[in-house]
């Protein structure tokens, strides 16, 4: 595996995870469309940002340990799919599919980084 592909496989899941956390965090902005007081809006915003915070914590762990990212992103994708598939299949694919892709990318990086490169 070339050094460019190794670097790409290292950075791709991390960059995509950051983008996915930002995507999930955008859903919290709908609290500003309601006309509530400051404290109620702050509470609603913090509750709506919980999924993004969980994903950010998973990303922090995955940044250091790829296998942890593979496991946790797959588990989160499975849980979300299990909870939403019967009622909202489009939501399931919008959220779970990227989580499974991230899990696969972290797993691929973990597996390929464990094999030593042949010396030339």
PDB file of N, CA and C in Angstrom:
ATOM      1  N   UNK A   1       0.855  -1.169   0.000  1.00  0.00           N
ATOM      2  CA  UNK A   1       0.000   0.000   0.000  1.00  0.00           C
ATOM      3  C   UNK A   1       0.901   1.232   0.000  1.00  0.00           C
ATOM      4  N   UNK A   2       0.605   2.165  -0.865  1.00  0.00           N
ATOM      5  CA  UNK A   2       1.456   3.346  -0.964  1.00  0.00           C
ATOM      6  C   UNK A   2       1.227   4.278   0.222  1.00  0.00           C
ATOM      7  N   UNK A   3       2.187   5.153   0.404  1.00  0.00           N
ATOM      8  CA  UNK A   3       2.094   6.083   1.527  1.00  0.00           C
ATOM      9  C   UNK A   3       0.916   7.040   1.357  1.00  0.00           C
ATOM     10  N   UNK A   4       0.598   7.393   0.120  1.00  0.00           N
ATOM     11  CA  UNK A   4      -0.545   8.290  -0.130  1.00  0.00           C
ATOM     12  C   UNK A   4      -1.847   7.591   0.255  1.00  0.00           C
ATOM     13  N   UNK A   5      -1.993   6.307  -0.136  1.00  0.00           N
ATOM     14  CA  UNK A   5      -3.220   5.602   0.235  1.00  0.00           C
ATOM     15  C   UNK A   5      -3.322   5.391   1.736  1.00  0.00           C
ATOM     16  N   UNK A   6      -2.191   5.164   2.386  1.00  0.00           N
ATOM     17  CA  UNK A   6      -2.218   5.021   3.848  1.00  0.00           C
ATOM     18  C   UNK A   6      -2.679   6.314   4.507  1.00  0.00           C
ATOM     19  N   UNK A   7      -2.156   7.425   4.038  1.00  0.00           N
ATOM     20  CA  UNK A   7      -2.557   8.719   4.612  1.00  0.00           C
ATOM     21  C   UNK A   7      -4.028   9.007   4.325  1.00  0.00           C
ATOM     22  N   UNK A   8      -4.475   8.680   3.116  1.00  0.00           N
ATOM     23  CA  UNK A   8      -5.875   8.896   2.761  1.00  0.00           C
ATOM     24  C   UNK A   8      -6.784   8.032   3.632  1.00  0.00           C
ATOM     25  N   UNK A   9      -6.415   6.779   3.816  1.00  0.00           N
ATOM     26  CA  UNK A   9      -7.226   5.886   4.648  1.00  0.00           C
ATOM     27  C   UNK A   9      -7.191   6.303   6.116  1.00  0.00           C
ATOM     28  N   UNK A  10      -6.132   6.956   6.544  1.00  0.00           N
ATOM     29  CA  UNK A  10      -6.079   7.464   7.914  1.00  0.00           C
ATOM     30  C   UNK A  10      -6.996   8.679   8.072  1.00  0.00           C
ATOM     31  N   UNK A  11      -6.924   9.622   7.141  1.00  0.00           N
ATOM     32  CA  UNK A  11      -7.639  10.883   7.301  1.00  0.00           C
ATOM     33  C   UNK A  11      -9.092  10.844   6.846  1.00  0.00           C
ATOM     34  N   UNK A  12      -9.422  10.018   5.870  1.00  0.00           N
ATOM     35  CA  UNK A  12     -10.780  10.003   5.333  1.00  0.00           C
ATOM     36  C   UNK A  12     -11.848   9.728   6.387  1.00  0.00           C
ATOM     37  N   UNK A  13     -11.735   8.692   7.218  1.00  0.00           N
ATOM     38  CA  UNK A  13     -12.793   8.488   8.211  1.00  0.00           C
ATOM     39  C   UNK A  13     -12.871   9.606   9.246  1.00  0.00           C
ATOM     40  N   UNK A  14     -11.737  10.209   9.557  1.00  0.00           N
ATOM     41  CA  UNK A  14     -11.740  11.285  10.548  1.00  0.00           C
ATOM     42  C   UNK A  14     -12.413  12.541   9.994  1.00  0.00           C
ATOM     43  N   UNK A  15     -12.106  12.892   8.758  1.00  0.00           N
ATOM     44  CA  UNK A  15     -12.722  14.073   8.139  1.00  0.00           C
ATOM     45  C   UNK A  15     -14.206  13.846   7.916  1.00  0.00           C
ATOM     46  N   UNK A  16     -14.564  12.661   7.432  1.00  0.00           N
ATOM     47  CA  UNK A  16     -15.987  12.361   7.231  1.00  0.00           C
ATOM     48  C   UNK A  16     -16.747  12.315   8.552  1.00  0.00           C
ATOM     49  N   UNK A  17     -16.098  11.877   9.614  1.00  0.00           N
ATOM     50  CA  UNK A  17     -16.749  11.869  10.933  1.00  0.00           C
ATOM     51  C   UNK A  17     -17.023  13.284  11.412  1.00  0.00           C
ATOM     52  N   UNK A  18     -16.066  14.169  11.210  1.00  0.00           N
ATOM     53  CA  UNK A  18     -16.274  15.571  11.590  1.00  0.00           C
ATOM     54  C   UNK A  18     -17.440  16.155  10.807  1.00  0.00           C
ATOM     55  N   UNK A  19     -17.491  15.867   9.507  1.00  0.00           N
ATOM     56  CA  UNK A  19     -18.595  16.366   8.676  1.00  0.00           C
ATOM     57  C   UNK A  19     -19.929  15.779   9.127  1.00  0.00           C
ATOM     58  N   UNK A  20     -19.934  14.510   9.511  1.00  0.00           N
ATOM     59  CA  UNK A  20     -21.176  13.881   9.953  1.00  0.00           C
ATOM     60  C   UNK A  20     -21.639  14.448  11.290  1.00  0.00           C
ATOM     61  N   UNK A  21     -20.716  14.712  12.196  1.00  0.00           N
ATOM     62  CA  UNK A  21     -21.082  15.343  13.469  1.00  0.00           C
ATOM     63  C   UNK A  21     -21.692  16.720  13.208  1.00  0.00           C
ATOM     64  N   UNK A  22     -21.099  17.478  12.294  1.00  0.00           N
ATOM     65  CA  UNK A  22     -21.652  18.797  11.943  1.00  0.00           C
ATOM     66  C   UNK A  22     -23.036  18.658  11.316  1.00  0.00           C
ATOM     67  N   UNK A  23     -23.216  17.644  10.474  1.00  0.00           N
ATOM     68  CA  UNK A  23     -24.520  17.393   9.850  1.00  0.00           C
ATOM     69  C   UNK A  23     -25.573  17.094  10.908  1.00  0.00           C
ATOM     70  N   UNK A  24     -25.248  16.248  11.852  1.00  0.00           N
ATOM     71  CA  UNK A  24     -26.197  15.903  12.921  1.00  0.00           C
ATOM     72  C   UNK A  24     -26.462  17.117  13.814  1.00  0.00           C
ATOM     73  N   UNK A  25     -25.430  17.912  14.070  1.00  0.00           N
ATOM     74  CA  UNK A  25     -25.597  19.100  14.923  1.00  0.00           C
ATOM     75  C   UNK A  25     -26.510  20.135  14.264  1.00  0.00           C
ATOM     76  N   UNK A  26     -26.545  20.153  12.944  1.00  0.00           N
ATOM     77  CA  UNK A  26     -27.416  21.120  12.259  1.00  0.00           C
ATOM     78  C   UNK A  26     -28.887  20.914  12.588  1.00  0.00           C
ATOM     79  N   UNK A  27     -29.266  19.675  12.897  1.00  0.00           N
ATOM     80  CA  UNK A  27     -30.663  19.414  13.237  1.00  0.00           C
ATOM     81  C   UNK A  27     -31.073  20.101  14.532  1.00  0.00           C
ATOM     82  N   UNK A  28     -30.130  20.491  15.350  1.00  0.00           N
ATOM     83  CA  UNK A  28     -30.438  21.168  16.608  1.00  0.00           C
ATOM     84  C   UNK A  28     -30.857  22.611  16.379  1.00  0.00           C
ATOM     85  N   UNK A  29     -30.566  23.138  15.216  1.00  0.00           N
ATOM     86  CA  UNK A  29     -30.878  24.544  14.965  1.00  0.00           C
ATOM     87  C   UNK A  29     -32.373  24.823  14.853  1.00  0.00           C
ATOM     88  N   UNK A  30     -33.186  23.793  14.737  1.00  0.00           N
ATOM     89  CA  UNK A  30     -34.621  24.025  14.640  1.00  0.00           C
ATOM     90  C   UNK A  30     -35.215  24.564  15.936  1.00  0.00           C
ATOM     91  N   UNK A  31     -34.479  24.511  17.041  1.00  0.00           N
ATOM     92  CA  UNK A  31     -35.012  25.054  18.298  1.00  0.00           C
ATOM     93  C   UNK A  31     -35.147  26.574  18.228  1.00  0.00           C
ATOM     94  N   UNK A  32     -34.410  27.206  17.333  1.00  0.00           N
ATOM     95  CA  UNK A  32     -34.493  28.658  17.233  1.00  0.00           C
ATOM     96  C   UNK A  32     -35.717  29.120  16.460  1.00  0.00           C
ATOM     97  N   UNK A  33     -36.416  28.210  15.812  1.00  0.00           N
ATOM     98  CA  UNK A  33     -37.637  28.592  15.100  1.00  0.00           C
ATOM     99  C   UNK A  33     -38.824  28.723  16.051  1.00  0.00           C
ATOM    100  N   UNK A  34     -38.689  28.178  17.235  1.00  0.00           N
ATOM    101  CA  UNK A  34     -39.751  28.285  18.225  1.00  0.00           C
ATOM    102  C   UNK A  34     -39.536  29.549  19.053  1.00  0.00           C
ATOM    103  N   UNK A  35     -40.611  30.094  19.548  1.00  0.00           N
ATOM    104  CA  UNK A  35     -40.492  31.318  20.348  1.00  0.00           C
ATOM    105  C   UNK A  35     -40.643  30.984  21.830  1.00  0.00           C
ATOM    106  N   UNK A  36     -39.510  30.626  22.420  1.00  0.00           N
ATOM    107  CA  UNK A  36     -39.458  30.344  23.847  1.00  0.00           C
ATOM    108  C   UNK A  36     -38.458  31.295  24.488  1.00  0.00           C
ATOM    109  N   UNK A  37     -38.415  31.271  25.798  1.00  0.00           N
ATOM    110  CA  UNK A  37     -37.455  32.099  26.507  1.00  0.00           C
ATOM    111  C   UNK A  37     -36.044  31.568  26.358  1.00  0.00           C
ATOM    112  N   UNK A  38     -35.106  32.334  26.901  1.00  0.00           N
ATOM    113  CA  UNK A  38     -33.691  31.978  26.767  1.00  0.00           C
ATOM    114  C   UNK A  38     -33.382  30.629  27.403  1.00  0.00           C
ATOM    115  N   UNK A  39     -33.864  30.409  28.634  1.00  0.00           N
ATOM    116  CA  UNK A  39     -33.549  29.165  29.324  1.00  0.00           C
ATOM    117  C   UNK A  39     -34.168  27.951  28.632  1.00  0.00           C
ATOM    118  N   UNK A  40     -35.401  28.074  28.183  1.00  0.00           N
ATOM    119  CA  UNK A  40     -36.039  26.961  27.482  1.00  0.00           C
ATOM    120  C   UNK A  40     -35.336  26.670  26.160  1.00  0.00           C
ATOM    121  N   UNK A  41     -34.926  27.707  25.468  1.00  0.00           N
ATOM    122  CA  UNK A  41     -34.210  27.520  24.208  1.00  0.00           C
ATOM    123  C   UNK A  41     -32.846  26.886  24.456  1.00  0.00           C
ATOM    124  N   UNK A  42     -32.149  27.333  25.496  1.00  0.00           N
ATOM    125  CA  UNK A  42     -30.841  26.760  25.831  1.00  0.00           C
ATOM    126  C   UNK A  42     -30.973  25.290  26.222  1.00  0.00           C
ATOM    127  N   UNK A  43     -32.001  24.959  26.983  1.00  0.00           N
ATOM    128  CA  UNK A  43     -32.231  23.575  27.369  1.00  0.00           C
ATOM    129  C   UNK A  43     -32.564  22.716  26.149  1.00  0.00           C
ATOM    130  N   UNK A  44     -33.441  23.222  25.295  1.00  0.00           N
ATOM    131  CA  UNK A  44     -33.806  22.484  24.080  1.00  0.00           C
ATOM    132  C   UNK A  44     -32.594  22.298  23.169  1.00  0.00           C
ATOM    133  N   UNK A  45     -31.759  23.317  23.064  1.00  0.00           N
ATOM    134  CA  UNK A  45     -30.560  23.215  22.232  1.00  0.00           C
ATOM    135  C   UNK A  45     -29.602  22.169  22.782  1.00  0.00           C
ATOM    136  N   UNK A  46     -29.423  22.163  24.091  1.00  0.00           N
ATOM    137  CA  UNK A  46     -28.512  21.175  24.673  1.00  0.00           C
ATOM    138  C   UNK A  46     -29.044  19.751  24.501  1.00  0.00           C
ATOM    139  N   UNK A  47     -30.339  19.573  24.601  1.00  0.00           N
ATOM    140  CA  UNK A  47     -30.925  18.244  24.399  1.00  0.00           C
ATOM    141  C   UNK A  47     -30.780  17.816  22.936  1.00  0.00           C
ATOM    142  N   UNK A  48     -31.018  18.749  22.019  1.00  0.00           N
ATOM    143  CA  UNK A  48     -30.909  18.427  20.598  1.00  0.00           C
ATOM    144  C   UNK A  48     -29.459  18.179  20.167  1.00  0.00           C
ATOM    145  N   UNK A  49     -28.508  18.703  20.904  1.00  0.00           N
ATOM    146  CA  UNK A  49     -27.095  18.509  20.562  1.00  0.00           C
ATOM    147  C   UNK A  49     -26.499  17.236  21.175  1.00  0.00           C
ATOM    148  N   UNK A  50     -27.262  16.529  21.979  1.00  0.00           N
ATOM    149  CA  UNK A  50     -26.752  15.307  22.601  1.00  0.00           C
ATOM    150  C   UNK A  50     -26.272  14.265  21.585  1.00  0.00           C
ATOM    151  N   UNK A  51     -27.021  13.977  20.519  1.00  0.00           N
ATOM    152  CA  UNK A  51     -26.506  13.001  19.546  1.00  0.00           C
ATOM    153  C   UNK A  51     -25.182  13.434  18.919  1.00  0.00           C
ATOM    154  N   UNK A  52     -25.036  14.708  18.619  1.00  0.00           N
ATOM    155  CA  UNK A  52     -23.775  15.196  18.059  1.00  0.00           C
ATOM    156  C   UNK A  52     -22.654  15.084  19.085  1.00  0.00           C
ATOM    157  N   UNK A  53     -22.964  15.309  20.345  1.00  0.00           N
ATOM    158  CA  UNK A  53     -21.949  15.192  21.388  1.00  0.00           C
ATOM    159  C   UNK A  53     -21.501  13.741  21.553  1.00  0.00           C
ATOM    160  N   UNK A  54     -22.445  12.813  21.487  1.00  0.00           N
ATOM    161  CA  UNK A  54     -22.096  11.391  21.576  1.00  0.00           C
ATOM    162  C   UNK A  54     -21.196  11.006  20.405  1.00  0.00           C
ATOM    163  N   UNK A  55     -21.561  11.446  19.207  1.00  0.00           N
ATOM    164  CA  UNK A  55     -20.731  11.147  18.035  1.00  0.00           C
ATOM    165  C   UNK A  55     -19.352  11.794  18.145  1.00  0.00           C
ATOM    166  N   UNK A  56     -19.293  12.988  18.707  1.00  0.00           N
ATOM    167  CA  UNK A  56     -17.994  13.643  18.889  1.00  0.00           C
ATOM    168  C   UNK A  56     -17.128  12.864  19.882  1.00  0.00           C
ATOM    169  N   UNK A  57     -17.733  12.340  20.933  1.00  0.00           N
ATOM    170  CA  UNK A  57     -16.976  11.517  21.889  1.00  0.00           C
ATOM    171  C   UNK A  57     -16.482  10.227  21.242  1.00  0.00           C
ATOM    172  N   UNK A  58     -17.315   9.635  20.396  1.00  0.00           N
ATOM    173  CA  UNK A  58     -16.884   8.435  19.672  1.00  0.00           C
ATOM    174  C   UNK A  58     -15.724   8.780  18.750  1.00  0.00           C
ATOM    175  N   UNK A  59     -15.805   9.918  18.091  1.00  0.00           N
ATOM    176  CA  UNK A  59     -14.722  10.342  17.205  1.00  0.00           C
ATOM    177  C   UNK A  59     -13.429  10.572  17.987  1.00  0.00           C
ATOM    178  N   UNK A  60     -13.532  11.143  19.155  1.00  0.00           N
ATOM    179  CA  UNK A  60     -12.330  11.368  19.974  1.00  0.00           C
ATOM    180  C   UNK A  60     -11.672  10.030  20.308  1.00  0.00           C
ATOM    181  N   UNK A  61     -12.482   9.044  20.681  1.00  0.00           N
ATOM    182  CA  UNK A  61     -11.921   7.717  20.976  1.00  0.00           C
ATOM    183  C   UNK A  61     -11.377   7.065  19.708  1.00  0.00           C
ATOM    184  N   UNK A  62     -12.102   7.221  18.598  1.00  0.00           N
ATOM    185  CA  UNK A  62     -11.688   6.597  17.341  1.00  0.00           C
ATOM    186  C   UNK A  62     -10.429   7.232  16.781  1.00  0.00           C
ATOM    187  N   UNK A  63     -10.196   8.474  17.099  1.00  0.00           N
ATOM    188  CA  UNK A  63      -9.010   9.152  16.586  1.00  0.00           C
ATOM    189  C   UNK A  63      -7.743   8.429  17.037  1.00  0.00           C
ATOM    190  N   UNK A  64      -7.781   7.908  18.244  1.00  0.00           N
ATOM    191  CA  UNK A  64      -6.618   7.215  18.791  1.00  0.00           C
ATOM    192  C   UNK A  64      -6.655   5.712  18.508  1.00  0.00           C
ATOM    193  N   UNK A  65      -7.836   5.118  18.663  1.00  0.00           N
ATOM    194  CA  UNK A  65      -7.988   3.672  18.497  1.00  0.00           C
ATOM    195  C   UNK A  65      -9.008   3.416  17.397  1.00  0.00           C
ATOM    196  N   UNK A  66      -8.526   3.051  16.235  1.00  0.00           N
ATOM    197  CA  UNK A  66      -9.411   2.823  15.087  1.00  0.00           C
ATOM    198  C   UNK A  66     -10.435   1.726  15.351  1.00  0.00           C
ATOM    199  N   UNK A  67     -10.032   0.679  16.054  1.00  0.00           N
ATOM    200  CA  UNK A  67     -10.960  -0.425  16.298  1.00  0.00           C
ATOM    201  C   UNK A  67     -12.122   0.018  17.172  1.00  0.00           C
ATOM    202  N   UNK A  68     -11.875   0.967  18.080  1.00  0.00           N
ATOM    203  CA  UNK A  68     -12.962   1.497  18.919  1.00  0.00           C
ATOM    204  C   UNK A  68     -13.950   2.261  18.054  1.00  0.00           C
ATOM    205  N   UNK A  69     -13.439   3.049  17.126  1.00  0.00           N
ATOM    206  CA  UNK A  69     -14.314   3.777  16.204  1.00  0.00           C
ATOM    207  C   UNK A  69     -15.134   2.836  15.353  1.00  0.00           C
ATOM    208  N   UNK A  70     -14.489   1.776  14.837  1.00  0.00           N
ATOM    209  CA  UNK A  70     -15.211   0.798  14.024  1.00  0.00           C
ATOM    210  C   UNK A  70     -16.337   0.162  14.823  1.00  0.00           C
ATOM    211  N   UNK A  71     -16.031  -0.229  16.037  1.00  0.00           N
ATOM    212  CA  UNK A  71     -17.028  -0.881  16.875  1.00  0.00           C
ATOM    213  C   UNK A  71     -18.167   0.068  17.258  1.00  0.00           C
ATOM    214  N   UNK A  72     -17.812   1.241  17.762  1.00  0.00           N
ATOM    215  CA  UNK A  72     -18.853   2.154  18.265  1.00  0.00           C
ATOM    216  C   UNK A  72     -19.708   2.746  17.148  1.00  0.00           C
ATOM    217  N   UNK A  73     -19.107   3.095  16.021  1.00  0.00           N
ATOM    218  CA  UNK A  73     -19.917   3.607  14.910  1.00  0.00           C
ATOM    219  C   UNK A  73     -20.858   2.529  14.389  1.00  0.00           C
ATOM    220  N   UNK A  74     -20.393   1.277  14.332  1.00  0.00           N
ATOM    221  CA  UNK A  74     -21.263   0.181  13.891  1.00  0.00           C
ATOM    222  C   UNK A  74     -22.395  -0.055  14.892  1.00  0.00           C
ATOM    223  N   UNK A  75     -22.072  -0.013  16.170  1.00  0.00           N
ATOM    224  CA  UNK A  75     -23.105  -0.208  17.203  1.00  0.00           C
ATOM    225  C   UNK A  75     -24.136   0.919  17.146  1.00  0.00           C
ATOM    226  N   UNK A  76     -23.674   2.164  17.024  1.00  0.00           N
ATOM    227  CA  UNK A  76     -24.620   3.287  16.944  1.00  0.00           C
ATOM    228  C   UNK A  76     -25.492   3.199  15.694  1.00  0.00           C
ATOM    229  N   UNK A  77     -24.887   2.814  14.567  1.00  0.00           N
ATOM    230  CA  UNK A  77     -25.667   2.633  13.343  1.00  0.00           C
ATOM    231  C   UNK A  77     -26.693   1.526  13.485  1.00  0.00           C
ATOM    232  N   UNK A  78     -26.311   0.430  14.141  1.00  0.00           N
ATOM    233  CA  UNK A  78     -27.248  -0.671  14.357  1.00  0.00           C
ATOM    234  C   UNK A  78     -28.387  -0.298  15.279  1.00  0.00           C
ATOM    235  N   UNK A  79     -28.072   0.393  16.344  1.00  0.00           N
ATOM    236  CA  UNK A  79     -29.112   0.831  17.287  1.00  0.00           C
ATOM    237  C   UNK A  79     -30.086   1.778  16.603  1.00  0.00           C
ATOM    238  N   UNK A  80     -29.547   2.732  15.851  1.00  0.00           N
ATOM    239  CA  UNK A  80     -30.430   3.687  15.178  1.00  0.00           C
ATOM    240  C   UNK A  80     -31.302   2.979  14.138  1.00  0.00           C
ATOM    241  N   UNK A  81     -30.720   2.055  13.396  1.00  0.00           N
ATOM    242  CA  UNK A  81     -31.499   1.317  12.396  1.00  0.00           C
ATOM    243  C   UNK A  81     -32.581   0.479  13.056  1.00  0.00           C
ATOM    244  N   UNK A  82     -32.243  -0.168  14.154  1.00  0.00           N
ATOM    245  CA  UNK A  82     -33.206  -1.003  14.864  1.00  0.00           C
ATOM    246  C   UNK A  82     -34.381  -0.178  15.377  1.00  0.00           C
ATOM    247  N   UNK A  83     -34.088   1.032  15.861  1.00  0.00           N
ATOM    248  CA  UNK A  83     -35.144   1.869  16.431  1.00  0.00           C
ATOM    249  C   UNK A  83     -36.012   2.543  15.366  1.00  0.00           C
ATOM    250  N   UNK A  84     -35.446   2.888  14.204  1.00  0.00           N
ATOM    251  CA  UNK A  84     -36.185   3.719  13.257  1.00  0.00           C
ATOM    252  C   UNK A  84     -36.619   3.018  11.981  1.00  0.00           C
ATOM    253  N   UNK A  85     -36.075   1.861  11.669  1.00  0.00           N
ATOM    254  CA  UNK A  85     -36.369   1.232  10.378  1.00  0.00           C
ATOM    255  C   UNK A  85     -37.851   0.976  10.131  1.00  0.00           C
ATOM    256  N   UNK A  86     -38.603   0.439  11.095  1.00  0.00           N
ATOM    257  CA  UNK A  86     -40.014   0.185  10.790  1.00  0.00           C
ATOM    258  C   UNK A  86     -40.814   1.458  10.516  1.00  0.00           C
ATOM    259  N   UNK A  87     -40.545   2.514  11.235  1.00  0.00           N
ATOM    260  CA  UNK A  87     -41.361   3.722  11.107  1.00  0.00           C
ATOM    261  C   UNK A  87     -40.829   4.704  10.061  1.00  0.00           C
ATOM    262  N   UNK A  88     -39.516   4.832   9.959  1.00  0.00           N
ATOM    263  CA  UNK A  88     -38.922   5.846   9.084  1.00  0.00           C
ATOM    264  C   UNK A  88     -37.724   5.283   8.322  1.00  0.00           C
ATOM    265  N   UNK A  89     -37.965   4.517   7.262  1.00  0.00           N
ATOM    266  CA  UNK A  89     -36.829   3.922   6.554  1.00  0.00           C
ATOM    267  C   UNK A  89     -35.895   4.958   5.923  1.00  0.00           C
ATOM    268  N   UNK A  90     -36.416   6.089   5.482  1.00  0.00           N
ATOM    269  CA  UNK A  90     -35.537   7.099   4.876  1.00  0.00           C
ATOM    270  C   UNK A  90     -34.610   7.702   5.926  1.00  0.00           C
ATOM    271  N   UNK A  91     -35.095   7.896   7.141  1.00  0.00           N
ATOM    272  CA  UNK A  91     -34.239   8.385   8.221  1.00  0.00           C
ATOM    273  C   UNK A  91     -33.155   7.362   8.519  1.00  0.00           C
ATOM    274  N   UNK A  92     -33.547   6.104   8.507  1.00  0.00           N
ATOM    275  CA  UNK A  92     -32.593   5.044   8.823  1.00  0.00           C
ATOM    276  C   UNK A  92     -31.418   5.078   7.868  1.00  0.00           C
ATOM    277  N   UNK A  93     -31.691   5.178   6.578  1.00  0.00           N
ATOM    278  CA  UNK A  93     -30.600   5.166   5.605  1.00  0.00           C
ATOM    279  C   UNK A  93     -29.801   6.456   5.635  1.00  0.00           C
ATOM    280  N   UNK A  94     -30.433   7.560   5.985  1.00  0.00           N
ATOM    281  CA  UNK A  94     -29.719   8.830   6.046  1.00  0.00           C
ATOM    282  C   UNK A  94     -28.751   8.884   7.216  1.00  0.00           C
ATOM    283  N   UNK A  95     -29.085   8.240   8.311  1.00  0.00           N
ATOM    284  CA  UNK A  95     -28.245   8.292   9.500  1.00  0.00           C
ATOM    285  C   UNK A  95     -27.403   7.024   9.654  1.00  0.00           C
ATOM    286  N   UNK A  96     -28.008   5.863   9.521  1.00  0.00           N
ATOM    287  CA  UNK A  96     -27.290   4.610   9.783  1.00  0.00           C
ATOM    288  C   UNK A  96     -26.256   4.290   8.711  1.00  0.00           C
ATOM    289  N   UNK A  97     -26.593   4.516   7.460  1.00  0.00           N
ATOM    290  CA  UNK A  97     -25.655   4.180   6.389  1.00  0.00           C
ATOM    291  C   UNK A  97     -24.320   4.910   6.535  1.00  0.00           C
ATOM    292  N   UNK A  98     -24.303   6.231   6.784  1.00  0.00           N
ATOM    293  CA  UNK A  98     -23.002   6.874   7.006  1.00  0.00           C
ATOM    294  C   UNK A  98     -22.270   6.329   8.229  1.00  0.00           C
ATOM    295  N   UNK A  99     -22.998   5.950   9.275  1.00  0.00           N
ATOM    296  CA  UNK A  99     -22.343   5.374  10.449  1.00  0.00           C
ATOM    297  C   UNK A  99     -21.677   4.043  10.106  1.00  0.00           C
ATOM    298  N   UNK A 100     -22.342   3.229   9.293  1.00  0.00           N
ATOM    299  CA  UNK A 100     -21.745   1.958   8.873  1.00  0.00           C
ATOM    300  C   UNK A 100     -20.544   2.180   7.955  1.00  0.00           C
ATOM    301  N   UNK A 101     -20.619   3.191   7.101  1.00  0.00           N
ATOM    302  CA  UNK A 101     -19.481   3.508   6.226  1.00  0.00           C
ATOM    303  C   UNK A 101     -18.290   3.971   7.064  1.00  0.00           C
ATOM    304  N   UNK A 102     -18.541   4.817   8.045  1.00  0.00           N
ATOM    305  CA  UNK A 102     -17.465   5.260   8.932  1.00  0.00           C
ATOM    306  C   UNK A 102     -16.867   4.081   9.696  1.00  0.00           C
ATOM    307  N   UNK A 103     -17.721   3.185  10.166  1.00  0.00           N
ATOM    308  CA  UNK A 103     -17.222   1.996  10.865  1.00  0.00           C
ATOM    309  C   UNK A 103     -16.333   1.169   9.943  1.00  0.00           C
ATOM    310  N   UNK A 104     -16.742   1.003   8.700  1.00  0.00           N
ATOM    311  CA  UNK A 104     -15.955   0.224   7.742  1.00  0.00           C
ATOM    312  C   UNK A 104     -14.618   0.903   7.445  1.00  0.00           C
ATOM    313  N   UNK A 105     -14.612   2.227   7.336  1.00  0.00           N
ATOM    314  CA  UNK A 105     -13.363   2.942   7.065  1.00  0.00           C
ATOM    315  C   UNK A 105     -12.404   2.855   8.249  1.00  0.00           C
ATOM    316  N   UNK A 106     -12.917   3.011   9.459  1.00  0.00           N
ATOM    317  CA  UNK A 106     -12.049   2.871  10.634  1.00  0.00           C
ATOM    318  C   UNK A 106     -11.534   1.438  10.756  1.00  0.00           C
ATOM    319  N   UNK A 107     -12.389   0.457  10.441  1.00  0.00           N
ATOM    320  CA  UNK A 107     -11.957  -0.937  10.491  1.00  0.00           C
ATOM    321  C   UNK A 107     -10.878  -1.216   9.448  1.00  0.00           C
ATOM    322  N   UNK A 108     -11.068  -0.711   8.236  1.00  0.00           N
ATOM    323  CA  UNK A 108     -10.069  -0.910   7.187  1.00  0.00           C
ATOM    324  C   UNK A 108      -8.735  -0.281   7.571  1.00  0.00           C
ATOM    325  N   UNK A 109      -8.785   0.906   8.135  1.00  0.00           N
ATOM    326  CA  UNK A 109      -7.549   1.560   8.559  1.00  0.00           C
ATOM    327  C   UNK A 109      -6.876   0.768   9.672  1.00  0.00           C
ATOM    328  N   UNK A 110      -7.658   0.257  10.604  1.00  0.00           N
ATOM    329  CA  UNK A 110      -7.083  -0.522  11.709  1.00  0.00           C
ATOM    330  C   UNK A 110      -6.437  -1.803  11.192  1.00  0.00           C
ATOM    331  N   UNK A 111      -7.145  -2.502  10.311  1.00  0.00           N
ATOM    332  CA  UNK A 111      -6.615  -3.764   9.789  1.00  0.00           C
ATOM    333  C   UNK A 111      -5.356  -3.522   8.958  1.00  0.00           C
ATOM    334  N   UNK A 112      -5.393  -2.551   8.073  1.00  0.00           N
ATOM    335  CA  UNK A 112      -4.255  -2.318   7.184  1.00  0.00           C
ATOM    336  C   UNK A 112      -3.068  -1.680   7.901  1.00  0.00           C
ATOM    337  N   UNK A 113      -3.319  -0.938   8.964  1.00  0.00           N
ATOM    338  CA  UNK A 113      -2.198  -0.322   9.687  1.00  0.00           C
ATOM    339  C   UNK A 113      -1.498  -1.325  10.598  1.00  0.00           C
ATOM    340  N   UNK A 114      -2.142  -2.451  10.880  1.00  0.00           N
ATOM    341  CA  UNK A 114      -1.516  -3.465  11.734  1.00  0.00           C
ATOM    342  C   UNK A 114      -0.528  -4.322  10.962  1.00  0.00           C
ATOM    343  N   UNK A 115      -0.677  -4.380   9.654  1.00  0.00           N
ATOM    344  CA  UNK A 115       0.252  -5.171   8.846  1.00  0.00           C
ATOM    345  C   UNK A 115       1.483  -4.350   8.525  1.00  0.00           C
ATOM    346  N   UNK A 116       2.648  -4.855   8.860  1.00  0.00           N
ATOM    347  CA  UNK A 116       3.856  -4.094   8.547  1.00  0.00           C
ATOM    348  C   UNK A 116       4.093  -4.002   7.036  1.00  0.00           C
ATOM    349  N   UNK A 117       4.631  -2.867   6.635  1.00  0.00           N
ATOM    350  CA  UNK A 117       4.944  -2.659   5.222  1.00  0.00           C
ATOM    351  C   UNK A 117       6.183  -3.454   4.849  1.00  0.00           C
ATOM    352  N   UNK A 118       6.183  -4.048   3.675  1.00  0.00           N
ATOM    353  CA  UNK A 118       7.403  -4.753   3.258  1.00  0.00           C
ATOM    354  C   UNK A 118       8.533  -3.766   3.007  1.00  0.00           C
ATOM    355  N   UNK A 119       9.708  -4.160   3.378  1.00  0.00           N
ATOM    356  CA  UNK A 119      10.868  -3.290   3.159  1.00  0.00           C
ATOM    357  C   UNK A 119      11.329  -3.435   1.731  1.00  0.00           C
ATOM    358  N   UNK A 120      11.791  -2.343   1.183  1.00  0.00           N
ATOM    359  CA  UNK A 120      12.243  -2.352  -0.216  1.00  0.00           C
ATOM    360  C   UNK A 120      13.690  -2.069  -0.292  1.00  0.00           C
TER     361      UNK A 120
END
